[in-house]
C-alpha cells in the first residue's frame, strides 16, 4: 500500500491513530498514521458482538444453575478450558469438572484461590456473577 492509500476512516477508538507501514515516494517502507479502516472496524464490531453474546449466554446458564460461576469468569476473560487449566496449574479435566455447579461447590480453598488469582479476584467475588452485563463502551453499537 502506498502512503497516500492508507485509510483514514474513524474507527472504534475514535480519533486515536494507529501506525501502519506504507511505501513512500521512493519505494521505501515508512510509518504512516491512520485513524482506521472501515472494513477493519466492521470486522472488529462483529467479533465483539459475538464475544458479548457468548458472555450473556453463559451468564444465563450460570443463573439457571447449569454452569458454575467459574464458567462466567472464564468466558468473560476470553479463555477456554485449556488456557484456564494452564494458568491455574490444573489438568483440563479438573477445570471441566469445576465448570459444573456440583464440582465448583466442592472446591477446596486452595484450588479456589488459584482460580481467584488467575482472574485477579477475591475468592468471594469468584463465587458470584453480576446480575447483568454492563458494557457501556459498546452501547453506541446497537
N, C-alpha and C. Protein backbone atom coordinates (compact mmCIF):
# COMPACT_ATOMS: atom_id res chain seq x y z
N UNK A 1 0.84 -1.16 0.00
CA UNK A 1 0.00 0.00 0.00
C UNK A 1 0.90 1.23 0.00
N UNK A 2 0.51 2.19 -0.80
CA UNK A 2 1.25 3.45 -0.88
C UNK A 2 0.83 4.38 0.27
N UNK A 3 1.70 5.31 0.56
CA UNK A 3 1.47 6.23 1.67
C UNK A 3 0.15 6.98 1.51
N UNK A 4 -0.18 7.41 0.31
CA UNK A 4 -1.40 8.16 0.08
C UNK A 4 -2.65 7.28 0.09
N UNK A 5 -2.48 5.92 0.09
CA UNK A 5 -3.62 4.99 0.10
C UNK A 5 -4.01 4.53 1.50
N UNK A 6 -3.25 4.91 2.52
CA UNK A 6 -3.53 4.47 3.89
C UNK A 6 -4.88 5.04 4.29
N UNK A 7 -5.83 4.16 4.69
CA UNK A 7 -7.18 4.62 5.03
C UNK A 7 -7.19 5.54 6.25
N UNK A 8 -8.11 6.47 6.24
CA UNK A 8 -8.24 7.42 7.34
C UNK A 8 -9.67 7.46 7.87
N UNK A 9 -10.37 6.31 7.84
CA UNK A 9 -11.73 6.23 8.38
C UNK A 9 -11.64 6.22 9.91
N UNK A 10 -12.54 6.92 10.57
CA UNK A 10 -12.54 6.91 12.03
C UNK A 10 -13.04 5.55 12.49
N UNK A 11 -12.27 4.89 13.33
CA UNK A 11 -12.59 3.53 13.77
C UNK A 11 -13.20 3.47 15.15
N UNK A 12 -13.09 2.29 15.77
CA UNK A 12 -13.67 2.05 17.09
C UNK A 12 -13.05 2.93 18.17
N UNK A 13 -11.80 3.28 18.01
CA UNK A 13 -11.10 4.06 19.02
C UNK A 13 -11.31 5.55 18.84
N UNK A 14 -12.18 5.95 17.94
CA UNK A 14 -12.44 7.37 17.74
C UNK A 14 -11.30 8.04 17.01
N UNK A 15 -10.83 9.12 17.57
CA UNK A 15 -9.79 9.92 16.92
C UNK A 15 -8.37 9.42 17.20
N UNK A 16 -8.24 8.26 17.84
CA UNK A 16 -6.91 7.72 18.11
C UNK A 16 -6.31 7.17 16.83
N UNK A 17 -5.02 7.35 16.69
CA UNK A 17 -4.31 6.87 15.49
C UNK A 17 -3.64 5.54 15.77
N UNK A 18 -3.50 4.76 14.72
CA UNK A 18 -2.66 3.57 14.75
C UNK A 18 -1.61 3.77 13.67
N UNK A 19 -0.55 3.03 13.76
CA UNK A 19 0.55 3.20 12.82
C UNK A 19 0.59 2.01 11.87
N UNK A 20 0.74 2.31 10.59
CA UNK A 20 0.84 1.29 9.55
C UNK A 20 2.10 1.54 8.73
N UNK A 21 2.56 0.48 8.11
CA UNK A 21 3.67 0.62 7.17
C UNK A 21 3.10 0.84 5.78
N UNK A 22 3.70 1.78 5.06
CA UNK A 22 3.28 2.06 3.69
C UNK A 22 4.51 2.49 2.89
N UNK A 23 4.41 2.34 1.59
CA UNK A 23 5.53 2.73 0.72
C UNK A 23 5.47 4.23 0.45
N UNK A 24 6.61 4.88 0.60
CA UNK A 24 6.67 6.31 0.28
C UNK A 24 6.99 6.50 -1.19
N UNK A 25 7.26 7.74 -1.59
CA UNK A 25 7.53 8.06 -3.00
C UNK A 25 8.78 7.37 -3.53
N UNK A 26 9.72 7.03 -2.65
CA UNK A 26 10.98 6.39 -3.04
C UNK A 26 10.88 4.86 -3.04
N UNK A 27 9.69 4.31 -2.73
CA UNK A 27 9.52 2.86 -2.69
C UNK A 27 10.02 2.22 -1.41
N UNK A 28 10.27 3.02 -0.38
CA UNK A 28 10.74 2.53 0.91
C UNK A 28 9.58 2.51 1.89
N UNK A 29 9.64 1.55 2.81
CA UNK A 29 8.59 1.47 3.84
C UNK A 29 8.76 2.59 4.86
N UNK A 30 7.64 3.13 5.25
CA UNK A 30 7.63 4.25 6.18
C UNK A 30 6.44 4.07 7.12
N UNK A 31 6.57 4.54 8.35
CA UNK A 31 5.45 4.50 9.30
C UNK A 31 4.50 5.65 8.98
N UNK A 32 3.21 5.29 8.82
CA UNK A 32 2.20 6.29 8.47
C UNK A 32 1.04 6.19 9.46
N UNK A 33 0.63 7.30 10.08
CA UNK A 33 -0.51 7.25 10.99
C UNK A 33 -1.82 7.06 10.23
N UNK A 34 -2.75 6.34 10.85
CA UNK A 34 -4.06 6.10 10.25
C UNK A 34 -5.12 6.13 11.34
N UNK A 35 -6.26 6.73 11.05
CA UNK A 35 -7.37 6.74 12.02
C UNK A 35 -8.16 5.46 11.99
N UNK A 36 -7.96 4.64 10.99
CA UNK A 36 -8.65 3.37 10.93
C UNK A 36 -9.08 3.03 9.51
N UNK A 37 -9.80 1.93 9.42
CA UNK A 37 -10.24 1.42 8.13
C UNK A 37 -11.63 0.86 8.35
N UNK A 38 -12.58 1.24 7.55
CA UNK A 38 -13.98 0.85 7.76
C UNK A 38 -14.15 -0.67 7.79
N UNK A 39 -13.45 -1.38 6.92
CA UNK A 39 -13.56 -2.85 6.88
C UNK A 39 -13.09 -3.45 8.20
N UNK A 40 -11.99 -2.94 8.72
CA UNK A 40 -11.47 -3.43 10.00
C UNK A 40 -12.44 -3.11 11.13
N UNK A 41 -13.03 -1.93 11.11
CA UNK A 41 -14.00 -1.54 12.13
C UNK A 41 -15.21 -2.45 12.14
N UNK A 42 -15.74 -2.76 10.97
CA UNK A 42 -16.91 -3.64 10.87
C UNK A 42 -16.57 -5.04 11.37
N UNK A 43 -15.41 -5.53 11.00
CA UNK A 43 -14.98 -6.87 11.43
C UNK A 43 -14.80 -6.94 12.95
N UNK A 44 -14.15 -5.95 13.51
CA UNK A 44 -13.97 -5.91 14.97
C UNK A 44 -15.30 -5.80 15.70
N UNK A 45 -16.20 -5.01 15.15
CA UNK A 45 -17.53 -4.87 15.75
C UNK A 45 -18.25 -6.21 15.78
N UNK A 46 -18.20 -6.93 14.68
CA UNK A 46 -18.85 -8.25 14.62
C UNK A 46 -18.21 -9.23 15.60
N UNK A 47 -16.90 -9.19 15.72
CA UNK A 47 -16.21 -10.09 16.65
C UNK A 47 -16.61 -9.77 18.09
N UNK A 48 -16.66 -8.50 18.45
CA UNK A 48 -17.05 -8.13 19.81
C UNK A 48 -18.50 -8.46 20.09
N UNK A 49 -19.36 -8.34 19.11
CA UNK A 49 -20.76 -8.70 19.31
C UNK A 49 -20.90 -10.20 19.61
N UNK A 50 -20.11 -11.03 18.93
CA UNK A 50 -20.12 -12.47 19.21
C UNK A 50 -19.59 -12.77 20.61
N UNK A 51 -18.54 -12.09 21.00
CA UNK A 51 -17.98 -12.29 22.34
C UNK A 51 -19.00 -11.90 23.40
N UNK A 52 -19.63 -10.75 23.22
CA UNK A 52 -20.63 -10.28 24.19
C UNK A 52 -21.81 -11.24 24.27
N UNK A 53 -22.22 -11.77 23.12
CA UNK A 53 -23.33 -12.71 23.12
C UNK A 53 -22.97 -13.99 23.85
N UNK A 54 -21.75 -14.47 23.68
CA UNK A 54 -21.34 -15.70 24.38
C UNK A 54 -21.26 -15.46 25.88
N UNK A 55 -20.82 -14.27 26.30
CA UNK A 55 -20.78 -13.94 27.73
C UNK A 55 -22.20 -13.90 28.30
N UNK A 56 -23.12 -13.30 27.56
CA UNK A 56 -24.51 -13.24 28.01
C UNK A 56 -25.13 -14.63 28.09
N UNK A 57 -24.83 -15.48 27.11
CA UNK A 57 -25.36 -16.85 27.12
C UNK A 57 -24.87 -17.63 28.32
N UNK A 58 -23.59 -17.52 28.62
CA UNK A 58 -23.02 -18.23 29.77
C UNK A 58 -23.59 -17.68 31.07
N UNK A 59 -23.78 -16.38 31.14
CA UNK A 59 -24.35 -15.78 32.34
C UNK A 59 -25.75 -16.33 32.61
N UNK A 60 -26.55 -16.49 31.57
CA UNK A 60 -27.89 -17.05 31.73
C UNK A 60 -27.83 -18.50 32.21
N UNK A 61 -26.87 -19.26 31.69
CA UNK A 61 -26.71 -20.66 32.12
C UNK A 61 -26.26 -20.74 33.57
N UNK A 62 -25.43 -19.81 34.01
CA UNK A 62 -25.00 -19.78 35.41
C UNK A 62 -26.19 -19.46 36.30
N UNK A 63 -26.98 -18.47 35.91
CA UNK A 63 -28.16 -18.09 36.69
C UNK A 63 -29.17 -19.23 36.76
N UNK A 64 -29.24 -20.03 35.69
CA UNK A 64 -30.18 -21.16 35.65
C UNK A 64 -29.64 -22.38 36.40
N UNK A 65 -28.39 -22.31 36.84
CA UNK A 65 -27.81 -23.41 37.60
C UNK A 65 -27.22 -24.53 36.76
N UNK A 66 -27.03 -24.29 35.47
CA UNK A 66 -26.45 -25.31 34.60
C UNK A 66 -24.93 -25.23 34.53
N UNK A 67 -24.36 -24.06 34.87
CA UNK A 67 -22.92 -23.87 34.89
C UNK A 67 -22.53 -23.16 36.19
N UNK A 68 -21.26 -23.28 36.56
CA UNK A 68 -20.77 -22.63 37.78
C UNK A 68 -20.33 -21.20 37.47
N UNK A 69 -20.15 -20.38 38.49
CA UNK A 69 -19.65 -19.02 38.26
C UNK A 69 -18.28 -19.00 37.57
N UNK A 70 -17.52 -20.06 37.74
CA UNK A 70 -16.22 -20.16 37.08
C UNK A 70 -16.37 -20.06 35.57
N UNK A 71 -17.41 -20.64 35.02
CA UNK A 71 -17.65 -20.60 33.58
C UNK A 71 -17.84 -19.16 33.11
N UNK A 72 -18.58 -18.38 33.89
CA UNK A 72 -18.80 -16.97 33.52
C UNK A 72 -17.46 -16.23 33.49
N UNK A 73 -16.66 -16.36 34.54
CA UNK A 73 -15.40 -15.63 34.60
C UNK A 73 -14.45 -16.08 33.50
N UNK A 74 -14.48 -17.35 33.17
CA UNK A 74 -13.63 -17.88 32.11
C UNK A 74 -14.00 -17.24 30.77
N UNK A 75 -15.28 -17.21 30.44
CA UNK A 75 -15.72 -16.65 29.16
C UNK A 75 -15.56 -15.14 29.14
N UNK A 76 -15.83 -14.48 30.26
CA UNK A 76 -15.68 -13.02 30.32
C UNK A 76 -14.22 -12.60 30.13
N UNK A 77 -13.28 -13.47 30.47
CA UNK A 77 -11.86 -13.19 30.26
C UNK A 77 -11.35 -13.82 28.96
N UNK A 78 -12.26 -14.26 28.12
CA UNK A 78 -11.96 -14.84 26.81
C UNK A 78 -10.96 -15.99 26.91
N UNK A 79 -11.25 -16.90 27.82
CA UNK A 79 -10.43 -18.09 27.99
C UNK A 79 -11.24 -19.32 27.62
N UNK A 80 -10.54 -20.39 27.30
CA UNK A 80 -11.18 -21.69 27.16
C UNK A 80 -10.63 -22.59 28.27
N UNK A 81 -11.12 -23.83 28.32
CA UNK A 81 -10.72 -24.75 29.38
C UNK A 81 -9.21 -25.00 29.40
N UNK A 82 -8.65 -25.15 28.23
CA UNK A 82 -7.23 -25.44 28.12
C UNK A 82 -6.38 -24.30 28.67
N UNK A 83 -6.71 -23.07 28.31
CA UNK A 83 -5.94 -21.92 28.76
C UNK A 83 -6.10 -21.71 30.27
N UNK A 84 -7.33 -21.84 30.77
CA UNK A 84 -7.56 -21.69 32.20
C UNK A 84 -6.80 -22.76 32.98
N UNK A 85 -6.81 -23.97 32.47
CA UNK A 85 -6.08 -25.05 33.14
C UNK A 85 -4.59 -24.74 33.21
N UNK A 86 -4.05 -24.21 32.15
CA UNK A 86 -2.63 -23.87 32.12
C UNK A 86 -2.30 -22.78 33.14
N UNK A 87 -3.12 -21.72 33.16
CA UNK A 87 -2.88 -20.62 34.10
C UNK A 87 -3.05 -21.05 35.55
N UNK A 88 -4.03 -21.90 35.80
CA UNK A 88 -4.31 -22.33 37.17
C UNK A 88 -3.40 -23.48 37.61
N UNK A 89 -2.70 -24.08 36.69
CA UNK A 89 -1.82 -25.19 37.03
C UNK A 89 -2.60 -26.46 37.36
N UNK A 90 -3.69 -26.66 36.65
CA UNK A 90 -4.54 -27.83 36.86
C UNK A 90 -4.70 -28.58 35.55
N UNK A 91 -5.17 -29.81 35.65
CA UNK A 91 -5.43 -30.56 34.42
C UNK A 91 -6.74 -30.06 33.81
N UNK A 92 -6.84 -30.25 32.52
CA UNK A 92 -8.02 -29.76 31.79
C UNK A 92 -9.30 -30.45 32.28
N UNK A 93 -9.24 -31.74 32.58
CA UNK A 93 -10.45 -32.44 33.01
C UNK A 93 -10.93 -31.93 34.36
N UNK A 94 -10.00 -31.47 35.22
CA UNK A 94 -10.41 -30.90 36.51
C UNK A 94 -11.13 -29.57 36.29
N UNK A 95 -10.59 -28.75 35.40
CA UNK A 95 -11.25 -27.47 35.10
C UNK A 95 -12.64 -27.74 34.55
N UNK A 96 -12.74 -28.70 33.65
CA UNK A 96 -14.05 -29.03 33.06
C UNK A 96 -15.04 -29.45 34.14
N UNK A 97 -14.58 -30.21 35.11
CA UNK A 97 -15.43 -30.65 36.21
C UNK A 97 -15.85 -29.46 37.08
N UNK A 98 -14.95 -28.49 37.26
CA UNK A 98 -15.25 -27.32 38.08
C UNK A 98 -16.21 -26.34 37.41
N UNK A 99 -16.41 -26.50 36.11
CA UNK A 99 -17.36 -25.65 35.40
C UNK A 99 -18.80 -26.06 35.69
N UNK A 100 -18.97 -27.23 36.26
CA UNK A 100 -20.30 -27.70 36.64
C UNK A 100 -20.57 -27.23 38.07
N UNK A 101 -21.79 -26.86 38.39
CA UNK A 101 -22.09 -26.34 39.74
C UNK A 101 -21.68 -27.29 40.86
N UNK A 102 -21.94 -28.57 40.70
CA UNK A 102 -21.61 -29.53 41.76
C UNK A 102 -20.11 -29.59 42.01
N UNK A 103 -19.32 -29.63 40.93
CA UNK A 103 -17.87 -29.66 41.07
C UNK A 103 -17.32 -28.38 41.67
N UNK A 104 -17.93 -27.25 41.32
CA UNK A 104 -17.47 -25.97 41.84
C UNK A 104 -17.76 -25.84 43.33
N UNK A 105 -18.92 -26.31 43.77
CA UNK A 105 -19.28 -26.24 45.19
C UNK A 105 -18.32 -27.05 46.06
N UNK A 106 -17.73 -28.08 45.50
CA UNK A 106 -16.83 -28.96 46.26
C UNK A 106 -15.37 -28.50 46.24
N UNK A 107 -15.10 -27.37 45.65
CA UNK A 107 -13.71 -26.91 45.55
C UNK A 107 -13.11 -26.62 46.92
N UNK A 108 -11.88 -27.04 47.08
CA UNK A 108 -11.14 -26.73 48.30
C UNK A 108 -10.63 -25.29 48.20
N UNK A 109 -10.41 -24.64 49.34
CA UNK A 109 -9.97 -23.24 49.31
C UNK A 109 -8.69 -23.00 48.50
N UNK A 110 -7.77 -23.95 48.50
CA UNK A 110 -6.53 -23.79 47.75
C UNK A 110 -6.77 -23.70 46.24
N UNK A 111 -7.65 -24.54 45.74
CA UNK A 111 -7.97 -24.52 44.30
C UNK A 111 -8.77 -23.27 43.97
N UNK A 112 -9.69 -22.91 44.83
CA UNK A 112 -10.47 -21.69 44.64
C UNK A 112 -9.54 -20.48 44.58
N UNK A 113 -8.52 -20.48 45.41
CA UNK A 113 -7.56 -19.38 45.42
C UNK A 113 -6.77 -19.32 44.12
N UNK A 114 -6.45 -20.46 43.54
CA UNK A 114 -5.75 -20.47 42.24
C UNK A 114 -6.60 -19.78 41.17
N UNK A 115 -7.88 -20.15 41.13
CA UNK A 115 -8.77 -19.51 40.15
C UNK A 115 -8.91 -18.02 40.42
N UNK A 116 -9.04 -17.65 41.68
CA UNK A 116 -9.17 -16.23 42.04
C UNK A 116 -7.93 -15.46 41.60
N UNK A 117 -6.75 -16.07 41.77
CA UNK A 117 -5.51 -15.44 41.36
C UNK A 117 -5.47 -15.23 39.85
N UNK A 118 -5.91 -16.23 39.10
CA UNK A 118 -5.91 -16.12 37.63
C UNK A 118 -6.76 -14.95 37.17
N UNK A 119 -7.92 -14.78 37.77
CA UNK A 119 -8.84 -13.72 37.35
C UNK A 119 -8.64 -12.42 38.13
N UNK A 120 -7.65 -12.40 39.01
CA UNK A 120 -7.37 -11.22 39.83
C UNK A 120 -8.61 -10.78 40.60
N UNK A 121 -9.25 -11.75 41.24
CA UNK A 121 -10.45 -11.52 42.05
C UNK A 121 -10.23 -12.09 43.43
N UNK A 122 -11.07 -11.69 44.36
CA UNK A 122 -11.10 -12.35 45.65
C UNK A 122 -11.91 -13.63 45.53
N UNK A 123 -11.74 -14.53 46.48
CA UNK A 123 -12.48 -15.79 46.43
C UNK A 123 -13.99 -15.55 46.47
N UNK A 124 -14.41 -14.57 47.24
CA UNK A 124 -15.84 -14.26 47.35
C UNK A 124 -16.38 -13.76 46.01
N UNK A 125 -15.61 -12.90 45.34
CA UNK A 125 -16.03 -12.38 44.04
C UNK A 125 -16.13 -13.49 43.00
N UNK A 126 -15.21 -14.44 43.08
CA UNK A 126 -15.19 -15.55 42.13
C UNK A 126 -16.46 -16.40 42.22
N UNK A 127 -17.03 -16.46 43.40
CA UNK A 127 -18.22 -17.30 43.61
C UNK A 127 -19.52 -16.62 43.20
N UNK A 128 -19.43 -15.39 42.74
CA UNK A 128 -20.64 -14.66 42.34
C UNK A 128 -20.49 -14.14 40.92
N UNK A 129 -21.61 -13.90 40.28
CA UNK A 129 -21.64 -13.30 38.95
C UNK A 129 -22.52 -12.06 38.99
N UNK A 130 -22.32 -11.13 38.08
CA UNK A 130 -23.16 -9.93 38.08
C UNK A 130 -24.59 -10.28 37.67
N UNK A 131 -25.53 -9.45 38.09
CA UNK A 131 -26.93 -9.70 37.72
C UNK A 131 -27.17 -9.42 36.24
N UNK A 132 -26.41 -8.49 35.69
CA UNK A 132 -26.48 -8.22 34.25
C UNK A 132 -25.12 -7.73 33.80
N UNK A 133 -24.93 -7.73 32.50
CA UNK A 133 -23.66 -7.30 31.94
C UNK A 133 -23.79 -5.86 31.50
N UNK A 134 -22.87 -5.02 31.92
CA UNK A 134 -22.89 -3.62 31.55
C UNK A 134 -21.65 -3.32 30.71
N UNK A 135 -21.82 -3.34 29.43
CA UNK A 135 -20.74 -3.00 28.53
C UNK A 135 -21.04 -1.65 27.92
N UNK A 136 -20.96 -0.61 28.71
CA UNK A 136 -21.31 0.73 28.26
C UNK A 136 -20.42 1.20 27.11
N UNK A 137 -19.20 0.67 27.05
CA UNK A 137 -18.30 1.04 25.96
C UNK A 137 -18.90 0.71 24.60
N UNK A 138 -19.70 -0.36 24.54
CA UNK A 138 -20.26 -0.83 23.28
C UNK A 138 -21.69 -0.35 23.06
N UNK A 139 -22.18 0.52 23.91
CA UNK A 139 -23.58 0.95 23.83
C UNK A 139 -23.91 1.62 22.51
N UNK A 140 -22.97 2.34 21.93
CA UNK A 140 -23.25 3.05 20.68
C UNK A 140 -23.30 2.12 19.47
N UNK A 141 -22.99 0.86 19.63
CA UNK A 141 -23.01 -0.09 18.51
C UNK A 141 -24.41 -0.57 18.19
N UNK A 142 -25.26 -0.65 19.19
CA UNK A 142 -26.55 -1.32 18.98
C UNK A 142 -27.59 -0.42 18.43
